[in-house]
Amino acid sequence: MLIGYVLLFITKVAMPVTDDIYPTLSACEEAAIEYKKSYPLAVLVCGEVYE
């Protein structure tokens, strides 16, 4: 069962940016846009979190 989305920073492995779980993909993508303002070179993706 899908419980939400997390914002992941991609290097050689995927690491969570925060402990937040976003309820929708669009909310996660908005958080990524805000984070990219401070860290423009960061490679960020939203990943699904399952129970």
PDB file of N, CA and C in Angstrom:
ATOM      1  N   MET A   1       0.835  -1.170   0.000  1.00  0.00           N
ATOM      2  CA  MET A   1       0.000   0.000   0.000  1.00  0.00           C
ATOM      3  C   MET A   1       0.887   1.244   0.000  1.00  0.00           C
ATOM      4  N   LEU A   2       0.667   2.144  -0.925  1.00  0.00           N
ATOM      5  CA  LEU A   2       1.426   3.387  -1.048  1.00  0.00           C
ATOM      6  C   LEU A   2       1.024   4.349   0.062  1.00  0.00           C
ATOM      7  N   ILE A   3       2.019   4.857   0.826  1.00  0.00           N
ATOM      8  CA  ILE A   3       1.688   5.810   1.884  1.00  0.00           C
ATOM      9  C   ILE A   3       2.141   7.224   1.556  1.00  0.00           C
ATOM     10  N   GLY A   4       2.962   7.416   0.531  1.00  0.00           N
ATOM     11  CA  GLY A   4       3.386   8.756   0.162  1.00  0.00           C
ATOM     12  C   GLY A   4       4.660   8.740  -0.653  1.00  0.00           C
ATOM     13  N   TYR A   5       5.311   9.904  -0.671  1.00  0.00           N
ATOM     14  CA  TYR A   5       6.521  10.091  -1.477  1.00  0.00           C
ATOM     15  C   TYR A   5       7.592  10.771  -0.637  1.00  0.00           C
ATOM     16  N   VAL A   6       8.847  10.428  -0.891  1.00  0.00           N
ATOM     17  CA  VAL A   6       9.975  11.083  -0.234  1.00  0.00           C
ATOM     18  C   VAL A   6      10.843  11.734  -1.290  1.00  0.00           C
ATOM     19  N   LEU A   7      11.536  12.774  -0.886  1.00  0.00           N
ATOM     20  CA  LEU A   7      12.455  13.472  -1.765  1.00  0.00           C
ATOM     21  C   LEU A   7      13.835  12.855  -1.587  1.00  0.00           C
ATOM     22  N   LEU A   8      14.410  12.358  -2.678  1.00  0.00           N
ATOM     23  CA  LEU A   8      15.691  11.661  -2.632  1.00  0.00           C
ATOM     24  C   LEU A   8      16.769  12.446  -3.366  1.00  0.00           C
ATOM     25  N   PHE A   9      17.963  12.473  -2.780  1.00  0.00           N
ATOM     26  CA  PHE A   9      19.145  13.060  -3.387  1.00  0.00           C
ATOM     27  C   PHE A   9      19.918  11.916  -4.021  1.00  0.00           C
ATOM     28  N   ILE A  10      20.208  12.019  -5.305  1.00  0.00           N
ATOM     29  CA  ILE A  10      20.859  10.933  -6.032  1.00  0.00           C
ATOM     30  C   ILE A  10      22.363  11.193  -6.146  1.00  0.00           C
ATOM     31  N   THR A  11      23.149  10.267  -5.638  1.00  0.00           N
ATOM     32  CA  THR A  11      24.600  10.243  -5.856  1.00  0.00           C
ATOM     33  C   THR A  11      24.877   8.847  -6.394  1.00  0.00           C
ATOM     34  N   LYS A  12      25.770   8.121  -5.794  1.00  0.00           N
ATOM     35  CA  LYS A  12      25.954   6.713  -6.180  1.00  0.00           C
ATOM     36  C   LYS A  12      24.826   5.868  -5.616  1.00  0.00           C
ATOM     37  N   VAL A  13      24.198   6.371  -4.564  1.00  0.00           N
ATOM     38  CA  VAL A  13      23.029   5.741  -3.953  1.00  0.00           C
ATOM     39  C   VAL A  13      21.984   6.832  -3.730  1.00  0.00           C
ATOM     40  N   ALA A  14      20.752   6.438  -3.509  1.00  0.00           N
ATOM     41  CA  ALA A  14      19.692   7.403  -3.227  1.00  0.00           C
ATOM     42  C   ALA A  14      19.612   7.623  -1.720  1.00  0.00           C
ATOM     43  N   MET A  15      19.672   8.890  -1.314  1.00  0.00           N
ATOM     44  CA  MET A  15      19.583   9.221   0.105  1.00  0.00           C
ATOM     45  C   MET A  15      18.435  10.203   0.311  1.00  0.00           C
ATOM     46  N   PRO A  16      17.641   9.999   1.352  1.00  0.00           N
ATOM     47  CA  PRO A  16      16.552  10.941   1.614  1.00  0.00           C
ATOM     48  C   PRO A  16      17.087  12.319   1.962  1.00  0.00           C
ATOM     49  N   VAL A  17      16.435  13.352   1.480  1.00  0.00           N
ATOM     50  CA  VAL A  17      16.820  14.724   1.777  1.00  0.00           C
ATOM     51  C   VAL A  17      16.316  15.113   3.170  1.00  0.00           C
ATOM     52  N   THR A  18      15.087  14.732   3.495  1.00  0.00           N
ATOM     53  CA  THR A  18      14.493  15.017   4.802  1.00  0.00           C
ATOM     54  C   THR A  18      13.759  13.767   5.286  1.00  0.00           C
ATOM     55  N   ASP A  19      13.194  13.851   6.463  1.00  0.00           N
ATOM     56  CA  ASP A  19      12.392  12.755   6.999  1.00  0.00           C
ATOM     57  C   ASP A  19      10.929  12.882   6.608  1.00  0.00           C
ATOM     58  N   ASP A  20      10.580  13.924   5.862  1.00  0.00           N
ATOM     59  CA  ASP A  20       9.191  14.176   5.494  1.00  0.00           C
ATOM     60  C   ASP A  20       8.681  13.167   4.474  1.00  0.00           C
ATOM     61  N   ILE A  21       7.426  12.775   4.631  1.00  0.00           N
ATOM     62  CA  ILE A  21       6.732  11.957   3.643  1.00  0.00           C
ATOM     63  C   ILE A  21       5.594  12.810   3.098  1.00  0.00           C
ATOM     64  N   TYR A  22       5.628  13.061   1.794  1.00  0.00           N
ATOM     65  CA  TYR A  22       4.636  13.918   1.150  1.00  0.00           C
ATOM     66  C   TYR A  22       3.453  13.072   0.687  1.00  0.00           C
ATOM     67  N   PRO A  23       2.233  13.581   0.883  1.00  0.00           N
ATOM     68  CA  PRO A  23       1.050  12.778   0.561  1.00  0.00           C
ATOM     69  C   PRO A  23       0.821  12.571  -0.937  1.00  0.00           C
ATOM     70  N   THR A  24       1.320  13.497  -1.770  1.00  0.00           N
ATOM     71  CA  THR A  24       1.114  13.379  -3.214  1.00  0.00           C
ATOM     72  C   THR A  24       2.432  13.599  -3.940  1.00  0.00           C
ATOM     73  N   LEU A  25       2.486  13.116  -5.162  1.00  0.00           N
ATOM     74  CA  LEU A  25       3.667  13.321  -5.991  1.00  0.00           C
ATOM     75  C   LEU A  25       3.879  14.801  -6.279  1.00  0.00           C
ATOM     76  N   SER A  26       2.813  15.533  -6.518  1.00  0.00           N
ATOM     77  CA  SER A  26       2.956  16.963  -6.810  1.00  0.00           C
ATOM     78  C   SER A  26       3.512  17.731  -5.613  1.00  0.00           C
ATOM     79  N   ALA A  27       3.132  17.348  -4.401  1.00  0.00           N
ATOM     80  CA  ALA A  27       3.674  17.995  -3.205  1.00  0.00           C
ATOM     81  C   ALA A  27       5.176  17.726  -3.092  1.00  0.00           C
ATOM     82  N   CYS A  28       5.587  16.513  -3.397  1.00  0.00           N
ATOM     83  CA  CYS A  28       7.006  16.162  -3.377  1.00  0.00           C
ATOM     84  C   CYS A  28       7.775  16.944  -4.435  1.00  0.00           C
ATOM     85  N   GLU A  29       7.212  17.057  -5.624  1.00  0.00           N
ATOM     86  CA  GLU A  29       7.868  17.796  -6.700  1.00  0.00           C
ATOM     87  C   GLU A  29       7.988  19.282  -6.363  1.00  0.00           C
ATOM     88  N   GLU A  30       6.996  19.848  -5.685  1.00  0.00           N
ATOM     89  CA  GLU A  30       7.072  21.243  -5.249  1.00  0.00           C
ATOM     90  C   GLU A  30       8.199  21.424  -4.240  1.00  0.00           C
ATOM     91  N   ALA A  31       8.359  20.469  -3.321  1.00  0.00           N
ATOM     92  CA  ALA A  31       9.451  20.522  -2.356  1.00  0.00           C
ATOM     93  C   ALA A  31      10.796  20.440  -3.073  1.00  0.00           C
ATOM     94  N   ALA A  32      10.876  19.637  -4.109  1.00  0.00           N
ATOM     95  CA  ALA A  32      12.118  19.524  -4.881  1.00  0.00           C
ATOM     96  C   ALA A  32      12.462  20.847  -5.550  1.00  0.00           C
ATOM     97  N   ILE A  33      11.468  21.525  -6.075  1.00  0.00           N
ATOM     98  CA  ILE A  33      11.692  22.823  -6.717  1.00  0.00           C
ATOM     99  C   ILE A  33      12.235  23.823  -5.703  1.00  0.00           C
ATOM    100  N   GLU A  34      11.655  23.846  -4.502  1.00  0.00           N
ATOM    101  CA  GLU A  34      12.125  24.756  -3.455  1.00  0.00           C
ATOM    102  C   GLU A  34      13.549  24.413  -3.029  1.00  0.00           C
ATOM    103  N   TYR A  35      13.855  23.144  -2.885  1.00  0.00           N
ATOM    104  CA  TYR A  35      15.189  22.708  -2.472  1.00  0.00           C
ATOM    105  C   TYR A  35      16.219  23.065  -3.543  1.00  0.00           C
ATOM    106  N   LYS A  36      15.830  22.941  -4.815  1.00  0.00           N
ATOM    107  CA  LYS A  36      16.754  23.245  -5.921  1.00  0.00           C
ATOM    108  C   LYS A  36      17.118  24.718  -5.972  1.00  0.00           C
ATOM    109  N   LYS A  37      16.317  25.587  -5.381  1.00  0.00           N
ATOM    110  CA  LYS A  37      16.664  27.015  -5.329  1.00  0.00           C
ATOM    111  C   LYS A  37      17.926  27.229  -4.497  1.00  0.00           C
ATOM    112  N   SER A  38      18.106  26.442  -3.454  1.00  0.00           N
ATOM    113  CA  SER A  38      19.287  26.547  -2.602  1.00  0.00           C
ATOM    114  C   SER A  38      20.452  25.703  -3.100  1.00  0.00           C
ATOM    115  N   TYR A  39      20.139  24.591  -3.758  1.00  0.00           N
ATOM    116  CA  TYR A  39      21.160  23.656  -4.241  1.00  0.00           C
ATOM    117  C   TYR A  39      20.888  23.327  -5.705  1.00  0.00           C
ATOM    118  N   PRO A  40      21.218  24.237  -6.610  1.00  0.00           N
ATOM    119  CA  PRO A  40      20.835  24.067  -8.025  1.00  0.00           C
ATOM    120  C   PRO A  40      21.478  22.878  -8.733  1.00  0.00           C
ATOM    121  N   LEU A  41      22.596  22.384  -8.260  1.00  0.00           N
ATOM    122  CA  LEU A  41      23.267  21.263  -8.926  1.00  0.00           C
ATOM    123  C   LEU A  41      22.828  19.902  -8.387  1.00  0.00           C
ATOM    124  N   ALA A  42      22.004  19.893  -7.366  1.00  0.00           N
ATOM    125  CA  ALA A  42      21.555  18.640  -6.755  1.00  0.00           C
ATOM    126  C   ALA A  42      20.644  17.897  -7.733  1.00  0.00           C
ATOM    127  N   VAL A  43      20.817  16.582  -7.780  1.00  0.00           N
ATOM    128  CA  VAL A  43      19.938  15.718  -8.581  1.00  0.00           C
ATOM    129  C   VAL A  43      18.921  15.117  -7.626  1.00  0.00           C
ATOM    130  N   LEU A  44      17.661  15.529  -7.775  1.00  0.00           N
ATOM    131  CA  LEU A  44      16.603  15.125  -6.848  1.00  0.00           C
ATOM    132  C   LEU A  44      15.510  14.379  -7.594  1.00  0.00           C
ATOM    133  N   VAL A  45      14.959  13.364  -6.942  1.00  0.00           N
ATOM    134  CA  VAL A  45      13.816  12.640  -7.476  1.00  0.00           C
ATOM    135  C   VAL A  45      12.860  12.355  -6.332  1.00  0.00           C
ATOM    136  N   CYS A  46      11.624  12.123  -6.673  1.00  0.00           N
ATOM    137  CA  CYS A  46      10.618  11.724  -5.693  1.00  0.00           C
ATOM    138  C   CYS A  46      10.443  10.211  -5.796  1.00  0.00           C
ATOM    139  N   GLY A  47      10.526   9.543  -4.674  1.00  0.00           N
ATOM    140  CA  GLY A  47      10.384   8.103  -4.638  1.00  0.00           C
ATOM    141  C   GLY A  47       9.167   7.684  -3.837  1.00  0.00           C
ATOM    142  N   GLU A  48       8.560   6.590  -4.246  1.00  0.00           N
ATOM    143  CA  GLU A  48       7.371   6.082  -3.566  1.00  0.00           C
ATOM    144  C   GLU A  48       7.760   5.379  -2.264  1.00  0.00           C
ATOM    145  N   VAL A  49       6.898   5.521  -1.252  1.00  0.00           N
ATOM    146  CA  VAL A  49       7.083   4.853   0.029  1.00  0.00           C
ATOM    147  C   VAL A  49       5.894   3.914   0.231  1.00  0.00           C
ATOM    148  N   TYR A  50       6.203   2.654   0.474  1.00  0.00           N
ATOM    149  CA  TYR A  50       5.161   1.653   0.691  1.00  0.00           C
ATOM    150  C   TYR A  50       5.184   1.175   2.129  1.00  0.00           C
ATOM    151  N   GLU A  51       4.033   0.798   2.611  1.00  0.00           N
ATOM    152  CA  GLU A  51       3.871   0.273   3.954  1.00  0.00           C
ATOM    153  C   GLU A  51       4.331  -1.172   3.988  1.00  0.00           C
TER     154      GLU A  51
END
